[in-house]
C-alpha atoms as a PDB file:
ATOM      1  CA  MET A   1      13.359   4.554   3.221  1.00  0.00           C
ATOM      2  CA  ILE A   2      10.454   2.546   1.925  1.00  0.00           C
ATOM      3  CA  VAL A   3       6.203   2.817   2.953  1.00  0.00           C
ATOM      4  CA  THR A   4       3.505   0.629   1.764  1.00  0.00           C
ATOM      5  CA  PHE A   5       0.368   0.349   1.937  1.00  0.00           C
ATOM      6  CA  CYS A   6      -2.711  -2.575   2.702  1.00  0.00           C
ATOM      7  CA  GLY A   7      -6.520  -1.682   3.593  1.00  0.00           C
ATOM      8  CA  HIS A   8      -9.700  -3.449   2.662  1.00  0.00           C
ATOM      9  CA  SER A   9     -10.448  -2.259  -1.030  1.00  0.00           C
ATOM     10  CA  GLU A  10     -14.604  -1.184   0.187  1.00  0.00           C
ATOM     11  CA  PHE A  11     -13.096   1.019   3.064  1.00  0.00           C
ATOM     12  CA  SER A  12     -14.400   4.619   2.635  1.00  0.00           C
ATOM     13  CA  ALA A  13     -11.858   7.354   3.264  1.00  0.00           C
ATOM     14  CA  THR A  14     -12.968  10.405   5.796  1.00  0.00           C
ATOM     15  CA  GLU A  15     -11.455  13.334   6.473  1.00  0.00           C
ATOM     16  CA  GLU A  16     -10.004  12.186   9.895  1.00  0.00           C
ATOM     17  CA  TYR A  17      -7.874   8.901   8.033  1.00  0.00           C
ATOM     18  CA  GLU A  18      -6.153  11.533   5.878  1.00  0.00           C
ATOM     19  CA  ARG A  19      -5.401  13.935   8.502  1.00  0.00           C
ATOM     20  CA  ARG A  20      -4.438  10.511  10.410  1.00  0.00           C
ATOM     21  CA  LEU A  21      -2.026   9.372   7.515  1.00  0.00           C
ATOM     22  CA  LEU A  22      -0.432  12.312   6.798  1.00  0.00           C
ATOM     23  CA  ALA A  23       0.730  12.912   9.969  1.00  0.00           C
ATOM     24  CA  PHE A  24       2.383   9.436   9.952  1.00  0.00           C
ATOM     25  CA  LEU A  25       3.714  10.311   6.784  1.00  0.00           C
ATOM     26  CA  GLU A  26       5.269  13.589   8.044  1.00  0.00           C
ATOM     27  CA  GLU A  27       6.621  12.252  11.717  1.00  0.00           C
ATOM     28  CA  LYS A  28       8.217   8.847  10.316  1.00  0.00           C
ATOM     29  CA  VAL A  29       9.353  10.220   7.229  1.00  0.00           C
ATOM     30  CA  GLY A  30       9.220  13.898   7.181  1.00  0.00           C
ATOM     31  CA  ASP A  31      11.675  15.411   4.628  1.00  0.00           C
ATOM     32  CA  LYS A  32      14.039  12.224   3.861  1.00  0.00           C
ATOM     33  CA  PRO A  33      13.517  10.333   0.668  1.00  0.00           C
ATOM     34  CA  VAL A  34      11.129   7.616   0.234  1.00  0.00           C
ATOM     35  CA  ASP A  35       9.163   5.431  -1.974  1.00  0.00           C
ATOM     36  CA  MET A  36       5.851   4.773  -1.549  1.00  0.00           C
ATOM     37  CA  TYR A  37       5.291   1.160  -2.855  1.00  0.00           C
ATOM     38  CA  LEU A  38       1.349   1.361  -3.544  1.00  0.00           C
ATOM     39  CA  GLY A  39      -1.028  -1.646  -5.450  1.00  0.00           C
ATOM     40  CA  GLY A  40      -3.412  -0.038  -7.357  1.00  0.00           C
ATOM     41  CA  TYR A  41      -6.558  -1.607  -6.519  1.00  0.00           C
ATOM     42  CA  GLY A  42      -9.997  -0.546  -4.272  1.00  0.00           C
ATOM     43  CA  GLY A  43     -10.727   1.754  -1.867  1.00  0.00           C
ATOM     44  CA  PHE A  44      -7.615   1.990   0.418  1.00  0.00           C
ATOM     45  CA  ASP A  45      -5.052   1.918  -2.370  1.00  0.00           C
ATOM     46  CA  SER A  46      -6.869   5.398  -3.857  1.00  0.00           C
ATOM     47  CA  PHE A  47      -7.210   6.533  -0.553  1.00  0.00           C
ATOM     48  CA  ALA A  48      -3.007   5.623   0.174  1.00  0.00           C
ATOM     49  CA  TYR A  49      -2.612   7.273  -3.263  1.00  0.00           C
ATOM     50  CA  GLY A  50      -4.164  10.117  -2.848  1.00  0.00           C
ATOM     51  CA  CYS A  51      -2.721  10.843   0.682  1.00  0.00           C
ATOM     52  CA  CYS A  52       1.012  10.151  -1.174  1.00  0.00           C
ATOM     53  CA  GLU A  53       0.587  12.053  -3.901  1.00  0.00           C
ATOM     54  CA  LYS A  54      -0.823  14.903  -1.191  1.00  0.00           C
ATOM     55  CA  PHE A  55       2.081  14.267   0.844  1.00  0.00           C
ATOM     56  CA  LYS A  56       4.732  14.870  -2.483  1.00  0.00           C
ATOM     57  CA  LYS A  57       3.194  18.301  -2.831  1.00  0.00           C
ATOM     58  CA  THR A  58       5.633  19.948   0.110  1.00  0.00           C
ATOM     59  CA  HIS A  59       7.674  16.409  -0.161  1.00  0.00           C
ATOM     60  CA  PRO A  60      10.077  16.222  -2.622  1.00  0.00           C
ATOM     61  CA  ASP A  61      11.903  13.362  -2.265  1.00  0.00           C
ATOM     62  CA  VAL A  62       8.834  11.189  -2.658  1.00  0.00           C
ATOM     63  CA  SER A  63       8.323   8.118  -5.155  1.00  0.00           C
ATOM     64  CA  LEU A  64       5.101   6.925  -6.050  1.00  0.00           C
ATOM     65  CA  ILE A  65       5.693   3.440  -6.766  1.00  0.00           C
ATOM     66  CA  LEU A  66       2.659   1.172  -8.647  1.00  0.00           C
ATOM     67  CA  VAL A  67       3.879  -2.291  -7.852  1.00  0.00           C
ATOM     68  CA  THR A  68       1.705  -4.269 -10.218  1.00  0.00           C
ATOM     69  CA  PRO A  69       0.943  -8.133 -10.123  1.00  0.00           C
ATOM     70  CA  TYR A  70       0.735  -8.857 -13.432  1.00  0.00           C
ATOM     71  CA  LEU A  71       3.372  -8.399 -16.710  1.00  0.00           C
ATOM     72  CA  THR A  72       1.425  -9.484 -19.213  1.00  0.00           C
ATOM     73  CA  ALA A  73       1.094  -7.373 -22.849  1.00  0.00           C
ATOM     74  CA  GLU A  74      -2.966  -8.126 -22.586  1.00  0.00           C
ATOM     75  CA  TYR A  75      -2.407  -6.031 -18.876  1.00  0.00           C
ATOM     76  CA  GLN A  76       0.035  -3.325 -19.469  1.00  0.00           C
ATOM     77  CA  HIS A  77      -1.768  -2.187 -22.471  1.00  0.00           C
ATOM     78  CA  ASN A  78      -5.050  -2.391 -20.910  1.00  0.00           C
ATOM     79  CA  HIS A  79      -4.175  -1.072 -17.376  1.00  0.00           C
ATOM     80  CA  LEU A  80      -0.505   0.080 -17.344  1.00  0.00           C
ATOM     81  CA  GLN A  81      -1.105   2.916 -19.642  1.00  0.00           C
ATOM     82  CA  TYR A  82      -3.303   4.860 -17.792  1.00  0.00           C
ATOM     83  CA  GLU A  83      -1.101   3.781 -14.728  1.00  0.00           C
ATOM     84  CA  LYS A  84       2.117   5.548 -16.021  1.00  0.00           C
ATOM     85  CA  ILE A  85       0.460   8.915 -16.132  1.00  0.00           C
ATOM     86  CA  LYS A  86      -0.015   8.608 -12.327  1.00  0.00           C
ATOM     87  CA  TYR A  87       3.694   7.103 -10.960  1.00  0.00           C
ATOM     88  CA  ASP A  88       6.709   7.953 -10.587  1.00  0.00           C
ATOM     89  CA  PHE A  89       7.790   4.518 -11.253  1.00  0.00           C
ATOM     90  CA  ILE A  90       6.178   1.147 -12.109  1.00  0.00           C
ATOM     91  CA  LEU A  91       7.492  -2.102 -10.637  1.00  0.00           C
ATOM     92  CA  TYR A  92       7.336  -5.553 -11.313  1.00  0.00           C
ATOM     93  CA  PRO A  93       8.497  -7.827  -8.803  1.00  0.00           C
ATOM     94  CA  GLU A  94      10.126 -10.810  -9.831  1.00  0.00           C
ATOM     95  CA  ILE A  95       7.393 -13.611  -9.477  1.00  0.00           C
ATOM     96  CA  GLU A  96       7.063 -14.763 -12.828  1.00  0.00           C
ATOM     97  CA  ASP A  97       7.154 -18.364 -11.335  1.00  0.00           C
ATOM     98  CA  LYS A  98       4.677 -17.524  -9.481  1.00  0.00           C
ATOM     99  CA  PRO A  99       1.073 -19.168 -10.591  1.00  0.00           C
ATOM    100  CA  ILE A 100      -0.587 -16.327 -12.154  1.00  0.00           C
ATOM    101  CA  ARG A 101      -3.560 -16.790  -9.561  1.00  0.00           C
ATOM    102  CA  TYR A 102      -1.687 -16.184  -6.559  1.00  0.00           C
ATOM    103  CA  ALA A 103       0.400 -13.238  -8.339  1.00  0.00           C
ATOM    104  CA  ILE A 104      -1.355 -10.253  -6.012  1.00  0.00           C
ATOM    105  CA  THR A 105      -0.677 -12.409  -2.799  1.00  0.00           C
ATOM    106  CA  TYR A 106       2.973 -12.505  -4.050  1.00  0.00           C
ATOM    107  CA  ARG A 107       3.447  -8.947  -5.045  1.00  0.00           C
ATOM    108  CA  ASN A 108       1.607  -7.861  -1.714  1.00  0.00           C
ATOM    109  CA  GLN A 109       4.212 -10.343   0.441  1.00  0.00           C
ATOM    110  CA  TYR A 110       7.307  -8.557  -1.518  1.00  0.00           C
ATOM    111  CA  MET A 111       6.102  -5.399  -0.536  1.00  0.00           C
ATOM    112  CA  VAL A 112       5.862  -5.929   2.988  1.00  0.00           C
ATOM    113  CA  GLU A 113       9.210  -7.457   2.697  1.00  0.00           C
ATOM    114  CA  LYS A 114      10.857  -4.183   1.298  1.00  0.00           C
ATOM    115  CA  ALA A 115       9.122  -2.080   3.586  1.00  0.00           C
ATOM    116  CA  ASP A 116      10.261  -0.304   6.514  1.00  0.00           C
ATOM    117  CA  TYR A 117       6.634   0.905   7.773  1.00  0.00           C
ATOM    118  CA  VAL A 118       3.313  -0.580   6.274  1.00  0.00           C
ATOM    119  CA  VAL A 119       0.471   1.488   6.593  1.00  0.00           C
ATOM    120  CA  ALA A 120      -3.031  -0.456   7.191  1.00  0.00           C
ATOM    121  CA  TYR A 121      -6.356  -0.367   7.414  1.00  0.00           C
ATOM    122  CA  VAL A 122      -7.791  -3.620   8.801  1.00  0.00           C
ATOM    123  CA  SER A 123     -10.810  -3.519  10.560  1.00  0.00           C
ATOM    124  CA  HIS A 124     -11.506  -7.477  10.067  1.00  0.00           C
ATOM    125  CA  GLY A 125      -9.845 -10.735  10.624  1.00  0.00           C
ATOM    126  CA  TRP A 126     -10.505 -11.749   6.727  1.00  0.00           C
ATOM    127  CA  GLY A 127      -9.134 -11.224   3.171  1.00  0.00           C
ATOM    128  CA  GLY A 128      -6.079 -10.096   1.333  1.00  0.00           C
ATOM    129  CA  ALA A 129      -5.550  -7.316   3.186  1.00  0.00           C
ATOM    130  CA  TYR A 130      -5.909  -9.436   6.657  1.00  0.00           C
ATOM    131  CA  THR A 131      -3.728 -11.533   5.705  1.00  0.00           C
ATOM    132  CA  THR A 132      -0.618  -9.073   3.899  1.00  0.00           C
ATOM    133  CA  TYR A 133      -1.383  -6.991   7.805  1.00  0.00           C
ATOM    134  CA  ARG A 134      -0.302 -10.905   9.655  1.00  0.00           C
ATOM    135  CA  TYR A 135       2.343 -11.149   7.445  1.00  0.00           C
ATOM    136  CA  ALA A 136       3.855  -7.630   8.255  1.00  0.00           C
ATOM    137  CA  GLN A 137       3.536  -8.839  11.946  1.00  0.00           C
ATOM    138  CA  ARG A 138       5.562 -12.249  11.172  1.00  0.00           C
ATOM    139  CA  LYS A 139       8.308 -10.538   9.816  1.00  0.00           C
ATOM    140  CA  GLY A 140       7.755  -8.076  12.228  1.00  0.00           C
ATOM    141  CA  LYS A 141       7.408  -4.624  10.099  1.00  0.00           C
ATOM    142  CA  ASN A 142       6.640  -1.645  11.535  1.00  0.00           C
ATOM    143  CA  ILE A 143       2.772  -0.996  11.249  1.00  0.00           C
ATOM    144  CA  TYR A 144       0.482   1.897  11.343  1.00  0.00           C
ATOM    145  CA  ASN A 145      -3.377   0.571  11.343  1.00  0.00           C
ATOM    146  CA  LEU A 146      -5.755   3.171  10.940  1.00  0.00           C
ATOM    147  CA  ALA A 147      -8.626   0.784  11.739  1.00  0.00           C
ATOM    148  CA  ASP A 148      -6.521   1.147  15.777  1.00  0.00           C
ATOM    149  CA  PHE A 149      -8.252   4.281  16.465  1.00  0.00           C
ATOM    150  CA  GLN A 150     -12.077   2.588  16.140  1.00  0.00           C
ATOM    151  CA  GLU A 151     -13.273   0.238  18.495  1.00  0.00           C
ATOM    152  CA  GLN A 152     -11.845  -2.930  17.025  1.00  0.00           C
ATOM    153  CA  VAL A 153     -14.899  -5.625  18.145  1.00  0.00           C
ATOM    154  CA  GLY A 154     -13.854  -9.148  17.459  1.00  0.00           C
ATOM    155  CA  LEU A 155     -10.437  -8.439  15.699  1.00  0.00           C
ATOM    156  CA  THR A 156      -7.780 -10.058  16.733  1.00  0.00           C
ATOM    157  CA  VAL A 157      -4.914  -8.995  14.744  1.00  0.00           C
END
C-alpha cells in the first residue's frame, strides 16, 4: 500500500489535525505494510512527515520515502545529505526528460499515480497543492482532505 500527501506550504499544524491524520492512518493502514510517499517541502509536508514518523513508532511495516523532484549533484549534496538521515529511502521518479521548472509538478503526479490514498490539506482553489488535489480527483484516487472538516467558504474542489 502507498499513501501520499499534498498540502499548502503555509499550513499550520494543530493537535486536532494530528489526531485526525493518525486516526485516518490507523483506520486505513493499521498494521499492513505501507510506503509513505512524502515531498519534503513546506508546512504541510513537515507536518505529514512528523505524523508518519509517529505512526511508524507503533507500526513496524511503515517506510518513510522522500520522493525527490531533482537529481542533480548539487541538489544531492545540498539537500539530500540531510534527508538521508530522516527517511528510509529516497526515490527519484523517471522524470529526467521533463523540463526542470516543472519537476515538482511531475513528481507530484507520479506520487498520486502510485498512491492508494492521498492525504491532503487543501483549503483554497489555487497553487500546487490544489493542482495536485485536482489531479488526484481526476485519477479517481481515495482522498482524505484534512481541510474538509472546516467550513469551506468559496472553495470548489
